[in-house]
Amino acid sequence: MRIVPFKQVDVFTALPFGGNPVAVVLDAEGLEPSEMQHIAAWTNLSETAFVLPPDDPNASYRVRIFTPKQELPFAGHPSIGTAHAVLEAGFARATGGKLVQECAAGLLAIEVEGDGPMRKIFIATPPPRIDEPDLTLTVALARALGVTINAEPAPRAIAVGPNWAVVDLERAEIVRKLKPDMAQLATVSRDFGVIGAAVFGRTGRNDCAIAVRCFAPIDNIAEDPVTGSGNASIAAFLRITDQIPPEGAHYAASQGRELGRDGVVHVRIAPDGATQIGGSSVTCIDGTVRL
């Protein structure tokens, strides 16, 4: 048995008990993937991250990310929460405000801005895989979500790590009032090979331009509080549907209010489409875990 450092970090918030929590095991060397999966099921959080020595000499550290049911090549809030945890614990140091995360999606650049409670961490997201619109997916999602979905821009399956069905519901108030049929949505997810639905609508405000909700019942996550990969997939959707100006965009998304979490995700989209997601983090549990 080994006793290793462990943190639980709330991500996309500067306030404890907000945002989205991630469990971070800071010295996971020697654990088998089946053991990591078992621990992730035990924490019962949307994701658990396991920090390992890097295989690539250009990386600051390596991380493996597990939901209660499967390993993910990339996920946003675990990546940002892990960067926060390794910096806080001294497992890695930022050079010129930069880190490099090694994960199953490759080497991803991380930028660290500021210090203390106001520090924000941004991670470059992997290139998205974007499917063509599918009318049968649109119809199935409309039934599962209990709303009318416009045919243009139609929902698309977009993978930035997890594969999300991205749905533009136009107005934030529609998103806020959603009460999906989770059994139907789980069936849609299985039928179309997505982890769930990432839905968004516009707020008309400057501080948080869109409201987002992400539902993943197929992964035992009825609603994820604040979702990095979901927001990255929405950014890709906005770009592919010509809703981002040629000079790029920087906006913030509100997510988690319906769960009492009120997180904020900052999204940066460069002119070439390269995307970063970021935000604040705060450690809520700091201790050890017996492996």
Protein backbone atom coordinates (compact mmCIF):
# COMPACT_ATOMS: atom_id res chain seq x y z
CA MET A 1 0.00 0.00 0.00
CA ARG A 2 1.23 3.50 -0.89
CA ILE A 3 0.01 6.80 0.57
CA VAL A 4 0.12 9.54 -2.07
CA PRO A 5 -1.02 13.17 -2.30
CA PHE A 6 -4.62 13.75 -3.32
CA LYS A 7 -6.61 16.90 -4.08
CA GLN A 8 -10.18 17.67 -4.99
CA VAL A 9 -10.30 20.86 -7.04
CA ASP A 10 -13.32 22.94 -8.05
CA VAL A 11 -12.74 24.17 -11.60
CA PHE A 12 -14.19 27.18 -13.46
CA THR A 13 -14.81 29.01 -10.19
CA ALA A 14 -12.78 31.03 -7.70
CA LEU A 15 -15.18 30.13 -4.88
CA PRO A 16 -15.14 26.81 -2.99
CA PHE A 17 -18.06 24.45 -3.64
CA GLY A 18 -18.83 25.96 -7.03
CA GLY A 19 -17.81 25.04 -10.56
CA ASN A 20 -17.06 21.40 -11.30
CA PRO A 21 -15.00 19.20 -8.96
CA VAL A 22 -12.24 16.89 -10.16
CA ALA A 23 -10.30 14.40 -8.06
CA VAL A 24 -6.53 14.48 -8.69
CA VAL A 25 -4.22 11.64 -7.61
CA LEU A 26 -0.80 13.27 -7.73
CA ASP A 27 1.50 10.22 -7.84
CA ALA A 28 -0.27 7.47 -9.75
CA GLU A 29 2.82 5.65 -10.99
CA GLY A 30 2.38 1.88 -10.76
CA LEU A 31 -1.42 1.93 -10.96
CA GLU A 32 -2.94 -0.27 -13.65
CA PRO A 33 -5.67 1.26 -15.87
CA SER A 34 -8.22 -1.08 -14.26
CA GLU A 35 -7.23 0.28 -10.84
CA MET A 36 -7.58 3.86 -12.06
CA GLN A 37 -11.01 3.03 -13.42
CA HIS A 38 -12.00 1.48 -10.09
CA ILE A 39 -10.87 4.58 -8.18
CA ALA A 40 -12.73 6.86 -10.62
CA ALA A 41 -15.92 4.88 -10.05
CA TRP A 42 -15.35 5.17 -6.29
CA THR A 43 -14.88 8.97 -6.29
CA ASN A 44 -18.16 9.14 -8.27
CA LEU A 45 -17.17 12.49 -9.77
CA SER A 46 -17.58 13.22 -13.45
CA GLU A 47 -13.80 12.77 -13.83
CA THR A 48 -10.78 11.68 -11.83
CA ALA A 49 -7.25 12.57 -13.01
CA PHE A 50 -4.09 10.55 -12.38
CA VAL A 51 -0.75 12.37 -12.60
CA LEU A 52 2.25 10.43 -13.91
CA PRO A 53 5.83 11.20 -14.98
CA PRO A 54 5.88 12.33 -18.62
CA ASP A 55 6.92 9.96 -21.39
CA ASP A 56 7.77 12.91 -23.65
CA PRO A 57 10.71 15.06 -22.49
CA ASN A 58 8.87 18.17 -23.71
CA ALA A 59 5.98 17.60 -21.29
CA SER A 60 5.71 18.98 -17.76
CA TYR A 61 3.73 15.93 -16.60
CA ARG A 62 1.40 13.24 -17.95
CA VAL A 63 -2.24 12.76 -16.98
CA ARG A 64 -4.82 10.02 -17.52
CA ILE A 65 -8.46 11.01 -17.17
CA PHE A 66 -11.29 8.65 -16.22
CA THR A 67 -15.05 9.08 -15.85
CA PRO A 68 -16.84 6.56 -13.61
CA LYS A 69 -17.18 4.35 -16.71
CA GLN A 70 -14.35 5.00 -19.18
CA GLU A 71 -11.04 6.69 -19.92
CA LEU A 72 -11.10 9.91 -21.96
CA PRO A 73 -8.31 11.10 -24.28
CA PHE A 74 -8.97 14.70 -23.18
CA ALA A 75 -11.37 16.60 -20.96
CA GLY A 76 -11.28 20.28 -20.14
CA HIS A 77 -12.07 20.70 -16.47
CA PRO A 78 -9.83 17.77 -15.37
CA SER A 79 -6.95 19.22 -17.42
CA ILE A 80 -7.30 22.67 -15.85
CA GLY A 81 -7.86 21.22 -12.37
CA THR A 82 -4.80 18.98 -12.73
CA ALA A 83 -2.63 21.91 -13.83
CA HIS A 84 -3.85 23.83 -10.77
CA ALA A 85 -3.07 20.84 -8.52
CA VAL A 86 0.45 20.14 -9.85
CA LEU A 87 1.39 23.82 -9.57
CA GLU A 88 0.02 24.06 -6.04
CA ALA A 89 1.78 20.85 -4.95
CA GLY A 90 5.06 21.72 -6.66
CA PHE A 91 4.92 18.66 -8.95
CA ALA A 92 5.59 20.99 -11.90
CA ARG A 93 6.61 24.59 -12.38
CA ALA A 94 5.45 26.97 -15.07
CA THR A 95 8.24 28.36 -17.23
CA GLY A 96 7.38 31.80 -18.55
CA GLY A 97 3.78 31.16 -17.53
CA LYS A 98 3.60 27.96 -19.56
CA LEU A 99 3.21 24.22 -18.97
CA VAL A 100 2.82 21.29 -21.36
CA GLN A 101 0.33 18.55 -20.53
CA GLU A 102 0.84 15.09 -21.96
CA CYS A 103 -2.37 13.07 -22.32
CA ALA A 104 -3.89 10.53 -24.70
CA ALA A 105 -4.78 13.41 -27.06
CA GLY A 106 -1.11 14.42 -27.31
CA LEU A 107 0.90 17.36 -25.98
CA LEU A 108 -1.31 20.33 -25.09
CA ALA A 109 -0.01 23.81 -24.25
CA ILE A 110 -1.16 25.42 -21.00
CA GLU A 111 -0.94 29.12 -20.15
CA VAL A 112 -0.97 30.32 -16.54
CA GLU A 113 -2.14 33.88 -15.98
CA GLY A 114 -2.00 35.65 -12.63
CA ASP A 115 -1.52 34.38 -9.09
CA GLY A 116 -3.55 33.28 -6.09
CA PRO A 117 -7.36 33.23 -6.20
CA MET A 118 -7.38 35.33 -9.39
CA ARG A 119 -5.12 32.92 -11.31
CA LYS A 120 -6.59 31.58 -14.55
CA ILE A 121 -5.33 28.54 -16.42
CA PHE A 122 -5.96 28.11 -20.16
CA ILE A 123 -5.41 24.91 -22.12
CA ALA A 124 -5.20 24.48 -25.88
CA THR A 125 -7.85 21.98 -26.95
CA PRO A 126 -7.20 19.18 -29.45
CA PRO A 127 -8.40 19.74 -33.04
CA PRO A 128 -12.10 18.87 -33.20
CA ARG A 129 -13.64 16.09 -35.25
CA ILE A 130 -16.85 17.52 -36.71
CA ASP A 131 -19.58 15.35 -38.25
CA GLU A 132 -22.02 16.53 -40.89
CA PRO A 133 -25.58 17.42 -39.79
CA ASP A 134 -27.96 14.46 -39.55
CA LEU A 135 -31.74 15.04 -39.68
CA THR A 136 -32.44 11.88 -37.70
CA LEU A 137 -30.14 13.13 -34.92
CA THR A 138 -31.97 16.48 -34.88
CA VAL A 139 -35.36 14.78 -34.55
CA ALA A 140 -34.15 12.39 -31.85
CA LEU A 141 -32.57 15.21 -29.83
CA ALA A 142 -35.71 17.35 -30.07
CA ARG A 143 -37.75 14.51 -28.58
CA ALA A 144 -35.25 13.76 -25.82
CA LEU A 145 -34.82 17.43 -24.87
CA GLY A 146 -38.51 18.26 -25.22
CA VAL A 147 -37.94 21.33 -27.40
CA THR A 148 -38.12 22.48 -31.01
CA ILE A 149 -34.69 22.55 -32.67
CA ASN A 150 -34.07 24.67 -35.75
CA ALA A 151 -32.88 22.86 -38.83
CA GLU A 152 -30.30 25.60 -39.44
CA PRO A 153 -27.79 25.54 -37.88
CA ALA A 154 -28.53 21.88 -37.28
CA PRO A 155 -27.02 19.91 -34.38
CA ARG A 156 -23.72 18.19 -35.06
CA ALA A 157 -21.68 15.54 -33.32
CA ILE A 158 -18.35 17.17 -32.42
CA ALA A 159 -15.49 15.44 -30.63
CA VAL A 160 -12.87 17.38 -28.68
CA GLY A 161 -12.00 14.44 -26.49
CA PRO A 162 -15.54 13.23 -25.70
CA ASN A 163 -17.97 13.29 -28.64
CA TRP A 164 -20.85 15.71 -27.90
CA ALA A 165 -24.04 16.35 -29.84
CA VAL A 166 -23.98 20.16 -29.94
CA VAL A 167 -27.39 21.86 -30.02
CA ASP A 168 -28.01 25.58 -30.62
CA LEU A 169 -31.25 26.54 -28.85
CA GLU A 170 -30.80 30.26 -29.64
CA ARG A 171 -31.94 31.74 -26.32
CA ALA A 172 -30.50 31.19 -22.85
CA GLU A 173 -33.93 31.07 -21.22
CA ILE A 174 -34.80 27.96 -23.25
CA VAL A 175 -31.56 26.31 -22.12
CA ARG A 176 -32.20 27.22 -18.47
CA LYS A 177 -35.67 25.61 -18.48
CA LEU A 178 -34.70 22.29 -20.09
CA LYS A 179 -35.91 19.09 -18.43
CA PRO A 180 -34.60 16.33 -20.70
CA ASP A 181 -35.95 12.80 -20.77
CA MET A 182 -32.74 11.12 -19.60
CA ALA A 183 -33.76 7.64 -20.73
CA GLN A 184 -34.46 8.92 -24.25
CA LEU A 185 -31.24 10.94 -24.27
CA ALA A 186 -29.24 7.88 -23.22
CA THR A 187 -30.78 5.98 -26.15
CA VAL A 188 -29.92 8.82 -28.55
CA SER A 189 -26.36 8.86 -27.22
CA ARG A 190 -25.92 5.13 -27.78
CA ASP A 191 -27.55 5.23 -31.24
CA PHE A 192 -25.39 8.11 -32.51
CA GLY A 193 -22.13 7.38 -30.69
CA VAL A 194 -22.04 10.52 -28.55
CA ILE A 195 -21.45 10.95 -24.83
CA GLY A 196 -24.44 13.27 -24.54
CA ALA A 197 -25.84 16.66 -25.52
CA ALA A 198 -24.10 20.03 -25.12
CA VAL A 199 -26.78 22.70 -25.52
CA PHE A 200 -26.37 26.46 -25.53
CA GLY A 201 -28.24 29.71 -26.03
CA ARG A 202 -27.36 33.40 -26.07
CA THR A 203 -27.81 35.58 -23.01
CA GLY A 204 -27.58 39.01 -24.64
CA ARG A 205 -25.03 39.99 -21.98
CA ASN A 206 -21.38 40.98 -22.31
CA ASP A 207 -20.02 39.21 -19.22
CA CYS A 208 -21.30 35.73 -20.15
CA ALA A 209 -22.37 35.61 -23.78
CA ILE A 210 -23.92 32.14 -23.72
CA ALA A 211 -25.56 29.78 -21.25
CA VAL A 212 -24.52 26.13 -21.52
CA ARG A 213 -25.81 22.83 -20.16
CA CYS A 214 -24.31 19.38 -20.81
CA PHE A 215 -26.19 16.11 -20.25
CA ALA A 216 -24.42 12.72 -20.34
CA PRO A 217 -26.72 10.06 -18.84
CA ILE A 218 -24.98 7.30 -20.81
CA ASP A 219 -21.92 7.95 -18.60
CA ASN A 220 -23.91 8.08 -15.34
CA ILE A 221 -23.76 11.90 -15.42
CA ALA A 222 -27.28 13.24 -15.76
CA GLU A 223 -25.96 16.81 -15.95
CA ASP A 224 -22.32 17.83 -15.77
CA PRO A 225 -21.91 21.05 -13.77
CA VAL A 226 -19.31 22.84 -15.94
CA THR A 227 -17.82 21.13 -18.98
CA GLY A 228 -14.57 22.05 -20.72
CA SER A 229 -14.91 19.61 -23.64
CA GLY A 230 -18.56 20.58 -24.11
CA ASN A 231 -17.64 24.25 -24.32
CA ALA A 232 -14.77 23.46 -26.69
CA SER A 233 -17.20 21.53 -28.90
CA ILE A 234 -19.60 24.49 -28.85
CA ALA A 235 -16.72 26.77 -29.91
CA ALA A 236 -16.03 24.45 -32.85
CA PHE A 237 -19.76 24.50 -33.72
CA LEU A 238 -19.83 28.32 -33.69
CA ARG A 239 -16.81 28.41 -35.96
CA ILE A 240 -18.01 25.80 -38.46
CA THR A 241 -21.41 27.53 -38.71
CA ASP A 242 -19.75 30.93 -39.43
CA GLN A 243 -20.75 32.53 -36.14
CA ILE A 244 -17.19 33.58 -35.24
CA PRO A 245 -15.68 36.63 -36.99
CA PRO A 246 -12.54 36.19 -39.11
CA GLU A 247 -10.42 37.91 -36.46
CA GLY A 248 -11.44 35.31 -33.88
CA ALA A 249 -13.33 35.73 -30.62
CA HIS A 250 -13.02 35.69 -26.84
CA TYR A 251 -16.15 35.12 -24.78
CA ALA A 252 -17.30 33.63 -21.49
CA ALA A 253 -19.94 30.94 -20.98
CA SER A 254 -22.16 30.48 -17.92
CA GLN A 255 -22.76 26.87 -16.87
CA GLY A 256 -23.84 25.08 -13.70
CA ARG A 257 -26.39 27.55 -12.33
CA GLU A 258 -29.17 24.95 -12.48
CA LEU A 259 -27.08 22.74 -10.17
CA GLY A 260 -26.12 25.53 -7.78
CA ARG A 261 -22.55 25.69 -9.16
CA ASP A 262 -22.49 28.87 -11.31
CA GLY A 263 -19.25 28.25 -13.19
CA VAL A 264 -17.66 30.46 -15.85
CA VAL A 265 -15.68 29.09 -18.80
CA HIS A 266 -13.51 31.51 -20.80
CA VAL A 267 -13.15 30.58 -24.47
CA ARG A 268 -10.60 31.96 -26.92
CA ILE A 269 -10.83 31.19 -30.63
CA ALA A 270 -7.92 32.32 -32.84
CA PRO A 271 -8.35 33.33 -36.50
CA ASP A 272 -7.02 29.92 -37.56
CA GLY A 273 -9.58 28.16 -35.35
CA ALA A 274 -7.16 27.14 -32.60
CA THR A 275 -9.13 27.16 -29.35
CA GLN A 276 -8.32 27.58 -25.68
CA ILE A 277 -10.62 27.10 -22.72
CA GLY A 278 -9.80 28.37 -19.27
CA GLY A 279 -10.85 29.71 -15.94
CA SER A 280 -10.17 29.82 -12.24
CA SER A 281 -9.78 26.88 -9.84
CA VAL A 282 -9.80 26.38 -6.07
CA THR A 283 -8.71 23.40 -3.96
CA CYS A 284 -11.43 22.15 -1.60
CA ILE A 285 -9.84 18.91 -0.32
CA ASP A 286 -6.11 18.52 0.23
CA GLY A 287 -4.71 15.34 1.73
CA THR A 288 -3.63 11.80 0.90
CA VAL A 289 -5.16 8.65 -0.48
CA ARG A 290 -4.11 5.04 0.19
CA LEU A 291 -3.47 3.09 -3.00
